[in-house]
């Protein structure tokens, strides 16, 4: 769907659009930083994600593992499935704020 140059990304086309974007642009995706950069690049190119950010995150991590099935990326998928990803991020944030005291 294209509205005034924007591409609307919905849940039913999320995986396909992200994967096609990576393939079309020839982007090498091998780690968490790379997949974050894909997301930022898509936004800069006019893609609008009109779905829950947790679903976008889960999709990005799934695609990361498809393109680069390393043990680290497998662990990211595993954490997403059992809900530890947000817990780890929140723990890191809490530790960061403790360090600033």
C-alpha atoms as a PDB file:
ATOM      1  CA  UNK A   1       0.000   0.000   0.000  1.00  0.00           C
ATOM      2  CA  UNK A   2       1.500   3.323  -1.029  1.00  0.00           C
ATOM      3  CA  UNK A   3       0.118   6.678   0.165  1.00  0.00           C
ATOM      4  CA  UNK A   4       1.946   9.806  -0.960  1.00  0.00           C
ATOM      5  CA  UNK A   5       5.266   7.955  -1.133  1.00  0.00           C
ATOM      6  CA  UNK A   6       4.825   6.142   2.181  1.00  0.00           C
ATOM      7  CA  UNK A   7       4.693   2.356   2.391  1.00  0.00           C
ATOM      8  CA  UNK A   8       2.376   1.079   5.115  1.00  0.00           C
ATOM      9  CA  UNK A   9       3.638  -2.059   6.809  1.00  0.00           C
ATOM     10  CA  UNK A  10       0.965  -4.099   8.543  1.00  0.00           C
ATOM     11  CA  UNK A  11       1.146  -7.362  10.424  1.00  0.00           C
ATOM     12  CA  UNK A  12       0.051  -9.449   7.434  1.00  0.00           C
ATOM     13  CA  UNK A  13       2.887  -8.173   5.203  1.00  0.00           C
ATOM     14  CA  UNK A  14       5.592  -7.436   7.770  1.00  0.00           C
ATOM     15  CA  UNK A  15       7.934 -10.390   7.238  1.00  0.00           C
ATOM     16  CA  UNK A  16       7.634 -10.244   3.466  1.00  0.00           C
ATOM     17  CA  UNK A  17       8.303  -6.503   3.270  1.00  0.00           C
ATOM     18  CA  UNK A  18      11.279  -6.580   5.619  1.00  0.00           C
ATOM     19  CA  UNK A  19      12.842  -9.588   3.902  1.00  0.00           C
ATOM     20  CA  UNK A  20      12.287  -8.142   0.412  1.00  0.00           C
ATOM     21  CA  UNK A  21      13.735  -4.807   1.525  1.00  0.00           C
ATOM     22  CA  UNK A  22      16.904  -6.496   2.775  1.00  0.00           C
ATOM     23  CA  UNK A  23      17.232  -8.528  -0.417  1.00  0.00           C
ATOM     24  CA  UNK A  24      16.493  -5.623  -2.764  1.00  0.00           C
ATOM     25  CA  UNK A  25      18.969  -3.316  -1.026  1.00  0.00           C
ATOM     26  CA  UNK A  26      21.595  -6.058  -0.773  1.00  0.00           C
ATOM     27  CA  UNK A  27      22.005  -5.462   2.945  1.00  0.00           C
ATOM     28  CA  UNK A  28      24.226  -7.839   4.901  1.00  0.00           C
ATOM     29  CA  UNK A  29      22.502  -8.758   8.152  1.00  0.00           C
ATOM     30  CA  UNK A  30      24.510 -10.715  10.690  1.00  0.00           C
ATOM     31  CA  UNK A  31      23.782  -9.233  14.116  1.00  0.00           C
ATOM     32  CA  UNK A  32      21.383  -7.205  16.234  1.00  0.00           C
ATOM     33  CA  UNK A  33      22.930  -3.877  15.193  1.00  0.00           C
ATOM     34  CA  UNK A  34      22.517  -4.750  11.503  1.00  0.00           C
ATOM     35  CA  UNK A  35      18.820  -5.532  11.883  1.00  0.00           C
ATOM     36  CA  UNK A  36      18.311  -2.289  13.838  1.00  0.00           C
ATOM     37  CA  UNK A  37      19.957  -0.436  10.955  1.00  0.00           C
ATOM     38  CA  UNK A  38      17.562  -2.138   8.526  1.00  0.00           C
ATOM     39  CA  UNK A  39      14.640  -0.844  10.579  1.00  0.00           C
ATOM     40  CA  UNK A  40      16.046   2.688  10.653  1.00  0.00           C
ATOM     41  CA  UNK A  41      16.789   2.577   6.926  1.00  0.00           C
ATOM     42  CA  UNK A  42      13.245   1.453   6.166  1.00  0.00           C
ATOM     43  CA  UNK A  43      11.838   4.370   8.155  1.00  0.00           C
ATOM     44  CA  UNK A  44      14.123   6.783   6.301  1.00  0.00           C
ATOM     45  CA  UNK A  45      12.885   5.305   3.026  1.00  0.00           C
ATOM     46  CA  UNK A  46       9.257   6.003   3.914  1.00  0.00           C
ATOM     47  CA  UNK A  47       8.123   2.708   5.418  1.00  0.00           C
ATOM     48  CA  UNK A  48       5.545   3.182   8.188  1.00  0.00           C
ATOM     49  CA  UNK A  49       5.085   0.359  10.670  1.00  0.00           C
ATOM     50  CA  UNK A  50       1.466   0.524  11.814  1.00  0.00           C
ATOM     51  CA  UNK A  51       1.707  -2.419  14.185  1.00  0.00           C
ATOM     52  CA  UNK A  52       2.861  -3.077  17.718  1.00  0.00           C
ATOM     53  CA  UNK A  53       6.623  -2.536  18.194  1.00  0.00           C
ATOM     54  CA  UNK A  54       6.976  -5.894  19.946  1.00  0.00           C
ATOM     55  CA  UNK A  55       5.711  -7.612  16.802  1.00  0.00           C
ATOM     56  CA  UNK A  56       8.153  -5.608  14.673  1.00  0.00           C
ATOM     57  CA  UNK A  57      10.994  -6.566  17.036  1.00  0.00           C
ATOM     58  CA  UNK A  58      10.020 -10.230  16.915  1.00  0.00           C
ATOM     59  CA  UNK A  59       9.890 -10.169  13.120  1.00  0.00           C
ATOM     60  CA  UNK A  60      13.264  -8.475  12.835  1.00  0.00           C
ATOM     61  CA  UNK A  61      14.871 -11.027  15.143  1.00  0.00           C
ATOM     62  CA  UNK A  62      13.273 -13.906  13.212  1.00  0.00           C
ATOM     63  CA  UNK A  63      14.614 -12.549   9.933  1.00  0.00           C
ATOM     64  CA  UNK A  64      18.021 -11.951  11.507  1.00  0.00           C
ATOM     65  CA  UNK A  65      18.173 -15.634  12.432  1.00  0.00           C
ATOM     66  CA  UNK A  66      16.994 -16.737   8.965  1.00  0.00           C
ATOM     67  CA  UNK A  67      19.757 -14.693   7.327  1.00  0.00           C
ATOM     68  CA  UNK A  68      22.432 -15.426   9.918  1.00  0.00           C
ATOM     69  CA  UNK A  69      21.732 -18.558  11.979  1.00  0.00           C
ATOM     70  CA  UNK A  70      24.491 -18.074  14.545  1.00  0.00           C
ATOM     71  CA  UNK A  71      24.273 -19.201  18.166  1.00  0.00           C
ATOM     72  CA  UNK A  72      23.982 -15.569  19.321  1.00  0.00           C
ATOM     73  CA  UNK A  73      21.057 -14.949  16.988  1.00  0.00           C
ATOM     74  CA  UNK A  74      19.468 -18.240  18.024  1.00  0.00           C
ATOM     75  CA  UNK A  75      19.607 -17.032  21.616  1.00  0.00           C
ATOM     76  CA  UNK A  76      17.829 -13.796  20.614  1.00  0.00           C
ATOM     77  CA  UNK A  77      14.998 -15.822  19.062  1.00  0.00           C
ATOM     78  CA  UNK A  78      14.850 -18.034  22.116  1.00  0.00           C
ATOM     79  CA  UNK A  79      14.647 -15.035  24.439  1.00  0.00           C
ATOM     80  CA  UNK A  80      11.841 -13.525  22.352  1.00  0.00           C
ATOM     81  CA  UNK A  81       9.872 -16.755  22.543  1.00  0.00           C
ATOM     82  CA  UNK A  82      10.112 -17.015  26.292  1.00  0.00           C
ATOM     83  CA  UNK A  83       9.815 -13.300  26.970  1.00  0.00           C
ATOM     84  CA  UNK A  84      13.259 -12.645  28.391  1.00  0.00           C
ATOM     85  CA  UNK A  85      14.337 -10.092  25.778  1.00  0.00           C
ATOM     86  CA  UNK A  86      12.490  -7.196  27.412  1.00  0.00           C
ATOM     87  CA  UNK A  87      13.511  -8.406  30.879  1.00  0.00           C
ATOM     88  CA  UNK A  88      17.188  -8.331  29.827  1.00  0.00           C
ATOM     89  CA  UNK A  89      16.823  -4.844  28.335  1.00  0.00           C
ATOM     90  CA  UNK A  90      15.051  -3.591  31.463  1.00  0.00           C
ATOM     91  CA  UNK A  91      17.776  -5.083  33.673  1.00  0.00           C
ATOM     92  CA  UNK A  92      20.463  -3.381  31.610  1.00  0.00           C
ATOM     93  CA  UNK A  93      18.591  -0.079  31.852  1.00  0.00           C
ATOM     94  CA  UNK A  94      18.256  -0.467  35.613  1.00  0.00           C
ATOM     95  CA  UNK A  95      21.969  -1.262  35.924  1.00  0.00           C
ATOM     96  CA  UNK A  96      22.819   1.762  33.797  1.00  0.00           C
ATOM     97  CA  UNK A  97      20.781   4.042  36.045  1.00  0.00           C
ATOM     98  CA  UNK A  98      22.390   2.500  39.146  1.00  0.00           C
ATOM     99  CA  UNK A  99      25.824   3.268  37.713  1.00  0.00           C
ATOM    100  CA  UNK A 100      24.952   6.938  37.297  1.00  0.00           C
ATOM    101  CA  UNK A 101      24.398   7.448  41.039  1.00  0.00           C
END
